[in-house]
Every structure is written in structure tokens, then in C-alpha cells.
């Protein structure tokens, strides 16, 4: 198992997206993990919005 420093050092951000749907089980897992993860102010405040309409997605990128 990786230690904290290895995990933090291996972190990357990817900001290129594929035009491919994510299955419901993965979305549920992602939302569950997001709701449990800490924020910079130490509170679990989050707003999550799922946008499926491609016109709205294009407009807001």
C-alpha cells in the first residue's frame, strides 16, 4: 500500500474529456467519494450538477 507522500506525489489532473457516457455505478461511486472527501475549509459543502444536454455542456465549457 502506498504511503501518503507517494499518493500525493502521484496525483495528476486531467482536463481533457471524452464524449463517452459514464455508467450509473461509476457515477454513484464518484458522488459517494466526493461527498465524503474533505474541503479546504474543513466542511463537507459541495454542489454537484450532472449535465447531460450537449448544448448546455458546450456553452459552459
PDB file of N, CA and C in Angstrom:
ATOM      1  N   UNK A   1       0.834  -1.180   0.000  1.00  0.00           N
ATOM      2  CA  UNK A   1       0.000   0.000   0.000  1.00  0.00           C
ATOM      3  C   UNK A   1       0.878   1.243   0.000  1.00  0.00           C
ATOM      4  N   UNK A   2       0.496   2.214  -0.798  1.00  0.00           N
ATOM      5  CA  UNK A   2       1.278   3.445  -0.867  1.00  0.00           C
ATOM      6  C   UNK A   2       1.126   4.258   0.407  1.00  0.00           C
ATOM      7  N   UNK A   3       2.182   4.984   0.743  1.00  0.00           N
ATOM      8  CA  UNK A   3       2.037   5.893   1.867  1.00  0.00           C
ATOM      9  C   UNK A   3       1.491   7.235   1.373  1.00  0.00           C
ATOM     10  N   UNK A   4       1.170   8.110   2.285  1.00  0.00           N
ATOM     11  CA  UNK A   4       0.538   9.384   1.952  1.00  0.00           C
ATOM     12  C   UNK A   4       1.361  10.191   0.958  1.00  0.00           C
ATOM     13  N   UNK A   5       2.666  10.270   1.160  1.00  0.00           N
ATOM     14  CA  UNK A   5       3.511  11.097   0.299  1.00  0.00           C
ATOM     15  C   UNK A   5       3.596  10.547  -1.118  1.00  0.00           C
ATOM     16  N   UNK A   6       3.653   9.238  -1.247  1.00  0.00           N
ATOM     17  CA  UNK A   6       3.660   8.644  -2.588  1.00  0.00           C
ATOM     18  C   UNK A   6       2.343   8.924  -3.303  1.00  0.00           C
ATOM     19  N   UNK A   7       1.242   8.807  -2.591  1.00  0.00           N
ATOM     20  CA  UNK A   7      -0.069   9.059  -3.176  1.00  0.00           C
ATOM     21  C   UNK A   7      -0.184  10.513  -3.624  1.00  0.00           C
ATOM     22  N   UNK A   8       0.227  11.438  -2.759  1.00  0.00           N
ATOM     23  CA  UNK A   8       0.157  12.863  -3.115  1.00  0.00           C
ATOM     24  C   UNK A   8       1.081  13.190  -4.284  1.00  0.00           C
ATOM     25  N   UNK A   9       2.248  12.589  -4.305  1.00  0.00           N
ATOM     26  CA  UNK A   9       3.214  12.848  -5.372  1.00  0.00           C
ATOM     27  C   UNK A   9       2.733  12.304  -6.713  1.00  0.00           C
ATOM     28  N   UNK A  10       1.967  11.231  -6.693  1.00  0.00           N
ATOM     29  CA  UNK A  10       1.482  10.609  -7.925  1.00  0.00           C
ATOM     30  C   UNK A  10       0.220  11.268  -8.476  1.00  0.00           C
ATOM     31  N   UNK A  11      -0.344  12.225  -7.750  1.00  0.00           N
ATOM     32  CA  UNK A  11      -1.593  12.869  -8.177  1.00  0.00           C
ATOM     33  C   UNK A  11      -1.388  13.670  -9.461  1.00  0.00           C
ATOM     34  N   UNK A  12      -2.318  13.520 -10.384  1.00  0.00           N
ATOM     35  CA  UNK A  12      -2.311  14.320 -11.605  1.00  0.00           C
ATOM     36  C   UNK A  12      -3.742  14.788 -11.877  1.00  0.00           C
ATOM     37  N   UNK A  13      -3.855  15.874 -12.594  1.00  0.00           N
ATOM     38  CA  UNK A  13      -5.169  16.369 -13.019  1.00  0.00           C
ATOM     39  C   UNK A  13      -5.246  16.268 -14.528  1.00  0.00           C
ATOM     40  N   UNK A  14      -6.325  15.714 -15.008  1.00  0.00           N
ATOM     41  CA  UNK A  14      -6.530  15.576 -16.451  1.00  0.00           C
ATOM     42  C   UNK A  14      -7.744  16.404 -16.819  1.00  0.00           C
ATOM     43  N   UNK A  15      -7.568  17.320 -17.744  1.00  0.00           N
ATOM     44  CA  UNK A  15      -8.670  18.188 -18.125  1.00  0.00           C
ATOM     45  C   UNK A  15      -8.995  18.059 -19.608  1.00  0.00           C
ATOM     46  N   UNK A  16      -8.924  16.853 -20.081  1.00  0.00           N
ATOM     47  CA  UNK A  16      -9.396  16.569 -21.437  1.00  0.00           C
ATOM     48  C   UNK A  16     -10.450  15.485 -21.277  1.00  0.00           C
ATOM     49  N   UNK A  17     -11.551  15.650 -21.960  1.00  0.00           N
ATOM     50  CA  UNK A  17     -12.685  14.782 -21.728  1.00  0.00           C
ATOM     51  C   UNK A  17     -13.086  14.059 -22.999  1.00  0.00           C
ATOM     52  N   UNK A  18     -13.631  12.876 -22.821  1.00  0.00           N
ATOM     53  CA  UNK A  18     -14.113  12.082 -23.945  1.00  0.00           C
ATOM     54  C   UNK A  18     -15.625  12.216 -24.043  1.00  0.00           C
ATOM     55  N   UNK A  19     -16.135  12.117 -25.242  1.00  0.00           N
ATOM     56  CA  UNK A  19     -17.572  12.170 -25.459  1.00  0.00           C
ATOM     57  C   UNK A  19     -18.130  10.761 -25.265  1.00  0.00           C
ATOM     58  N   UNK A  20     -18.116  10.318 -24.009  1.00  0.00           N
ATOM     59  CA  UNK A  20     -18.497   8.949 -23.681  1.00  0.00           C
ATOM     60  C   UNK A  20     -19.252   8.968 -22.353  1.00  0.00           C
ATOM     61  N   UNK A  21     -20.378   8.258 -22.298  1.00  0.00           N
ATOM     62  CA  UNK A  21     -21.155   8.222 -21.067  1.00  0.00           C
ATOM     63  C   UNK A  21     -20.464   7.387 -20.003  1.00  0.00           C
ATOM     64  N   UNK A  22     -20.691   7.774 -18.762  1.00  0.00           N
ATOM     65  CA  UNK A  22     -20.175   7.032 -17.615  1.00  0.00           C
ATOM     66  C   UNK A  22     -21.333   6.216 -17.059  1.00  0.00           C
ATOM     67  N   UNK A  23     -21.098   4.946 -16.771  1.00  0.00           N
ATOM     68  CA  UNK A  23     -22.204   4.114 -16.293  1.00  0.00           C
ATOM     69  C   UNK A  23     -22.651   4.539 -14.897  1.00  0.00           C
ATOM     70  N   UNK A  24     -23.898   4.243 -14.561  1.00  0.00           N
ATOM     71  CA  UNK A  24     -24.523   4.696 -13.322  1.00  0.00           C
ATOM     72  C   UNK A  24     -23.758   4.253 -12.075  1.00  0.00           C
ATOM     73  N   UNK A  25     -23.242   3.039 -12.062  1.00  0.00           N
ATOM     74  CA  UNK A  25     -22.499   2.558 -10.897  1.00  0.00           C
ATOM     75  C   UNK A  25     -21.274   3.430 -10.638  1.00  0.00           C
ATOM     76  N   UNK A  26     -20.541   3.791 -11.697  1.00  0.00           N
ATOM     77  CA  UNK A  26     -19.375   4.654 -11.525  1.00  0.00           C
ATOM     78  C   UNK A  26     -19.778   6.047 -11.058  1.00  0.00           C
ATOM     79  N   UNK A  27     -20.853   6.584 -11.594  1.00  0.00           N
ATOM     80  CA  UNK A  27     -21.319   7.907 -11.164  1.00  0.00           C
ATOM     81  C   UNK A  27     -21.691   7.865  -9.683  1.00  0.00           C
ATOM     82  N   UNK A  28     -22.408   6.830  -9.276  1.00  0.00           N
ATOM     83  CA  UNK A  28     -22.782   6.698  -7.863  1.00  0.00           C
ATOM     84  C   UNK A  28     -21.548   6.619  -6.970  1.00  0.00           C
ATOM     85  N   UNK A  29     -20.537   5.862  -7.386  1.00  0.00           N
ATOM     86  CA  UNK A  29     -19.297   5.759  -6.607  1.00  0.00           C
ATOM     87  C   UNK A  29     -18.581   7.098  -6.532  1.00  0.00           C
ATOM     88  N   UNK A  30     -18.484   7.793  -7.634  1.00  0.00           N
ATOM     89  CA  UNK A  30     -17.816   9.105  -7.664  1.00  0.00           C
ATOM     90  C   UNK A  30     -18.528  10.077  -6.731  1.00  0.00           C
ATOM     91  N   UNK A  31     -19.859  10.129  -6.817  1.00  0.00           N
ATOM     92  CA  UNK A  31     -20.620  11.029  -5.953  1.00  0.00           C
ATOM     93  C   UNK A  31     -20.437  10.663  -4.483  1.00  0.00           C
ATOM     94  N   UNK A  32     -20.427   9.389  -4.170  1.00  0.00           N
ATOM     95  CA  UNK A  32     -20.215   8.940  -2.800  1.00  0.00           C
ATOM     96  C   UNK A  32     -18.850   9.392  -2.286  1.00  0.00           C
ATOM     97  N   UNK A  33     -17.806   9.207  -3.089  1.00  0.00           N
ATOM     98  CA  UNK A  33     -16.459   9.623  -2.685  1.00  0.00           C
ATOM     99  C   UNK A  33     -16.362  11.137  -2.551  1.00  0.00           C
ATOM    100  N   UNK A  34     -16.996  11.866  -3.454  1.00  0.00           N
ATOM    101  CA  UNK A  34     -16.962  13.325  -3.382  1.00  0.00           C
ATOM    102  C   UNK A  34     -17.616  13.839  -2.106  1.00  0.00           C
ATOM    103  N   UNK A  35     -18.736  13.251  -1.742  1.00  0.00           N
ATOM    104  CA  UNK A  35     -19.445  13.694  -0.550  1.00  0.00           C
ATOM    105  C   UNK A  35     -18.673  13.385   0.735  1.00  0.00           C
ATOM    106  N   UNK A  36     -17.788  12.403   0.689  1.00  0.00           N
ATOM    107  CA  UNK A  36     -17.000  12.028   1.864  1.00  0.00           C
ATOM    108  C   UNK A  36     -15.652  12.735   1.924  1.00  0.00           C
ATOM    109  N   UNK A  37     -15.245  13.365   0.852  1.00  0.00           N
ATOM    110  CA  UNK A  37     -13.912  13.964   0.825  1.00  0.00           C
ATOM    111  C   UNK A  37     -13.917  15.339   1.507  1.00  0.00           C
ATOM    112  N   UNK A  38     -12.807  15.709   2.129  1.00  0.00           N
ATOM    113  CA  UNK A  38     -12.731  16.994   2.822  1.00  0.00           C
ATOM    114  C   UNK A  38     -12.603  18.160   1.845  1.00  0.00           C
ATOM    115  N   UNK A  39     -12.915  19.338   2.343  1.00  0.00           N
ATOM    116  CA  UNK A  39     -12.744  20.553   1.553  1.00  0.00           C
ATOM    117  C   UNK A  39     -11.676  21.415   2.201  1.00  0.00           C
ATOM    118  N   UNK A  40     -11.302  22.493   1.545  1.00  0.00           N
ATOM    119  CA  UNK A  40     -10.245  23.361   2.062  1.00  0.00           C
ATOM    120  C   UNK A  40     -10.656  24.092   3.335  1.00  0.00           C
ATOM    121  N   UNK A  41     -11.964  24.231   3.593  1.00  0.00           N
ATOM    122  CA  UNK A  41     -12.400  24.912   4.808  1.00  0.00           C
ATOM    123  C   UNK A  41     -12.800  23.932   5.905  1.00  0.00           C
ATOM    124  N   UNK A  42     -12.566  22.656   5.669  1.00  0.00           N
ATOM    125  CA  UNK A  42     -12.823  21.646   6.679  1.00  0.00           C
ATOM    126  C   UNK A  42     -14.287  21.266   6.827  1.00  0.00           C
ATOM    127  N   UNK A  43     -15.100  21.649   5.886  1.00  0.00           N
ATOM    128  CA  UNK A  43     -16.513  21.294   5.934  1.00  0.00           C
ATOM    129  C   UNK A  43     -16.850  20.534   4.662  1.00  0.00           C
ATOM    130  N   UNK A  44     -17.863  19.729   4.700  1.00  0.00           N
ATOM    131  CA  UNK A  44     -18.239  18.959   3.524  1.00  0.00           C
ATOM    132  C   UNK A  44     -19.355  19.663   2.768  1.00  0.00           C
ATOM    133  N   UNK A  45     -19.038  20.818   2.215  1.00  0.00           N
ATOM    134  CA  UNK A  45     -20.004  21.582   1.438  1.00  0.00           C
ATOM    135  C   UNK A  45     -19.681  21.380  -0.045  1.00  0.00           C
ATOM    136  N   UNK A  46     -20.656  20.937  -0.790  1.00  0.00           N
ATOM    137  CA  UNK A  46     -20.419  20.709  -2.212  1.00  0.00           C
ATOM    138  C   UNK A  46     -21.720  20.860  -2.970  1.00  0.00           C
ATOM    139  N   UNK A  47     -21.600  21.323  -4.195  1.00  0.00           N
ATOM    140  CA  UNK A  47     -22.737  21.356  -5.112  1.00  0.00           C
ATOM    141  C   UNK A  47     -22.334  20.546  -6.323  1.00  0.00           C
ATOM    142  N   UNK A  48     -23.103  19.542  -6.625  1.00  0.00           N
ATOM    143  CA  UNK A  48     -22.805  18.674  -7.752  1.00  0.00           C
ATOM    144  C   UNK A  48     -23.975  18.725  -8.720  1.00  0.00           C
ATOM    145  N   UNK A  49     -23.664  18.974  -9.975  1.00  0.00           N
ATOM    146  CA  UNK A  49     -24.697  19.063 -11.000  1.00  0.00           C
ATOM    147  C   UNK A  49     -24.301  18.164 -12.153  1.00  0.00           C
ATOM    148  N   UNK A  50     -25.198  17.289 -12.546  1.00  0.00           N
ATOM    149  CA  UNK A  50     -24.953  16.414 -13.689  1.00  0.00           C
ATOM    150  C   UNK A  50     -25.649  17.021 -14.902  1.00  0.00           C
ATOM    151  N   UNK A  51     -24.869  17.352 -15.908  1.00  0.00           N
ATOM    152  CA  UNK A  51     -25.406  17.953 -17.130  1.00  0.00           C
ATOM    153  C   UNK A  51     -25.298  16.933 -18.254  1.00  0.00           C
ATOM    154  N   UNK A  52     -26.427  16.597 -18.859  1.00  0.00           N
ATOM    155  CA  UNK A  52     -26.436  15.621 -19.944  1.00  0.00           C
ATOM    156  C   UNK A  52     -26.676  16.253 -21.307  1.00  0.00           C
ATOM    157  N   UNK A  53     -27.270  17.426 -21.344  1.00  0.00           N
ATOM    158  CA  UNK A  53     -27.568  18.095 -22.605  1.00  0.00           C
ATOM    159  C   UNK A  53     -26.273  18.620 -23.230  1.00  0.00           C
ATOM    160  N   UNK A  54     -25.892  18.133 -24.424  1.00  0.00           N
ATOM    161  CA  UNK A  54     -24.625  18.547 -25.035  1.00  0.00           C
ATOM    162  C   UNK A  54     -24.570  20.047 -25.337  1.00  0.00           C
ATOM    163  N   UNK A  55     -25.701  20.676 -25.612  1.00  0.00           N
ATOM    164  CA  UNK A  55     -25.699  22.121 -25.875  1.00  0.00           C
ATOM    165  C   UNK A  55     -25.331  22.914 -24.626  1.00  0.00           C
ATOM    166  N   UNK A  56     -25.846  22.489 -23.489  1.00  0.00           N
ATOM    167  CA  UNK A  56     -25.512  23.162 -22.233  1.00  0.00           C
ATOM    168  C   UNK A  56     -24.045  22.923 -21.887  1.00  0.00           C
ATOM    169  N   UNK A  57     -23.565  21.702 -22.101  1.00  0.00           N
ATOM    170  CA  UNK A  57     -22.162  21.391 -21.825  1.00  0.00           C
ATOM    171  C   UNK A  57     -21.237  22.294 -22.659  1.00  0.00           C
ATOM    172  N   UNK A  58     -21.504  22.384 -23.927  1.00  0.00           N
ATOM    173  CA  UNK A  58     -20.676  23.183 -24.832  1.00  0.00           C
ATOM    174  C   UNK A  58     -20.690  24.646 -24.415  1.00  0.00           C
ATOM    175  N   UNK A  59     -21.833  25.147 -24.027  1.00  0.00           N
ATOM    176  CA  UNK A  59     -21.999  26.540 -23.651  1.00  0.00           C
ATOM    177  C   UNK A  59     -21.216  26.884 -22.380  1.00  0.00           C
ATOM    178  N   UNK A  60     -21.085  25.925 -21.478  1.00  0.00           N
ATOM    179  CA  UNK A  60     -20.463  26.188 -20.173  1.00  0.00           C
ATOM    180  C   UNK A  60     -19.014  25.731 -20.056  1.00  0.00           C
ATOM    181  N   UNK A  61     -18.409  25.256 -21.100  1.00  0.00           N
ATOM    182  CA  UNK A  61     -17.001  24.823 -21.004  1.00  0.00           C
ATOM    183  C   UNK A  61     -16.065  25.959 -21.090  1.00  0.00           C
TER     184      UNK A  61
END
